[in-house]
Amino acid sequence: MVNKKKESQISKFYKIDGDIAKRAKKYCPRCGNGVFMAEHKDRNTCGKCGFTEFTHKKQ
């Protein structure tokens, strides 16, 4: 059996502008810094605590 370890995907959560790294995703307000929220079609959700923020569509 081959033990394959997945590489960290944390680099996808930041955008590099010159020497500055900026967050591309939002942090969870409950869990604090370091826990990113998943972006869905109509909401943002924390995978750790389950906190959900719904986004409103402008009509």
Protein backbone atom coordinates (compact mmCIF):
# COMPACT_ATOMS: atom_id res chain seq x y z
CA MET A 1 0.00 0.00 0.00
CA VAL A 2 1.40 3.37 -1.02
CA ASN A 3 1.09 6.15 1.53
CA LYS A 4 0.48 9.40 -0.35
CA LYS A 5 0.28 12.57 1.66
CA LYS A 6 -1.58 15.53 0.16
CA GLU A 7 0.33 18.76 -0.10
CA SER A 8 -0.98 21.82 1.68
CA GLN A 9 -3.24 24.04 -0.43
CA ILE A 10 -2.92 27.08 1.86
CA SER A 11 -1.03 29.01 -0.83
CA LYS A 12 -4.29 29.22 -2.82
CA PHE A 13 -5.79 31.39 -0.07
CA TYR A 14 -3.32 34.26 -0.61
CA LYS A 15 -2.49 36.55 -3.54
CA ILE A 16 1.05 37.86 -3.92
CA ASP A 17 1.48 41.51 -4.96
CA GLY A 18 5.19 42.21 -5.12
CA ASP A 19 6.50 41.65 -1.60
CA ILE A 20 3.07 41.69 0.05
CA ALA A 21 0.79 38.68 0.57
CA LYS A 22 -2.94 39.53 0.72
CA ARG A 23 -5.76 37.23 1.80
CA ALA A 24 -7.94 36.01 -1.06
CA LYS A 25 -10.53 34.45 1.27
CA LYS A 26 -12.26 35.67 4.39
CA TYR A 27 -11.41 34.55 7.94
CA CYS A 28 -14.12 33.09 10.17
CA PRO A 29 -15.29 35.72 12.71
CA ARG A 30 -15.89 33.03 15.38
CA CYS A 31 -12.71 30.96 14.98
CA GLY A 32 -10.42 33.90 14.31
CA ASN A 33 -7.32 34.33 12.18
CA GLY A 34 -6.07 31.27 10.32
CA VAL A 35 -9.45 29.62 9.70
CA PHE A 36 -10.71 30.48 6.24
CA MET A 37 -14.32 30.40 5.09
CA ALA A 38 -15.42 28.42 2.03
CA GLU A 39 -17.02 30.45 -0.75
CA HIS A 40 -20.25 29.00 -2.13
CA LYS A 41 -22.69 30.42 -4.66
CA ASP A 42 -24.94 32.14 -2.12
CA ARG A 43 -23.01 31.94 1.17
CA ASN A 44 -19.67 31.75 2.98
CA THR A 45 -19.24 28.86 5.42
CA CYS A 46 -16.65 27.90 8.04
CA GLY A 47 -15.70 24.23 7.87
CA LYS A 48 -14.53 24.16 11.49
CA CYS A 49 -17.45 25.63 13.44
CA GLY A 50 -20.21 25.74 10.78
CA PHE A 51 -20.72 29.52 10.89
CA THR A 52 -22.56 30.69 7.74
CA GLU A 53 -22.93 34.13 6.19
CA PHE A 54 -25.42 34.48 3.37
CA THR A 55 -24.66 36.86 0.52
CA HIS A 56 -27.40 39.03 -0.90
CA LYS A 57 -27.76 39.37 -4.63
CA LYS A 58 -28.29 42.88 -5.94
CA GLN A 59 -31.27 43.15 -8.27
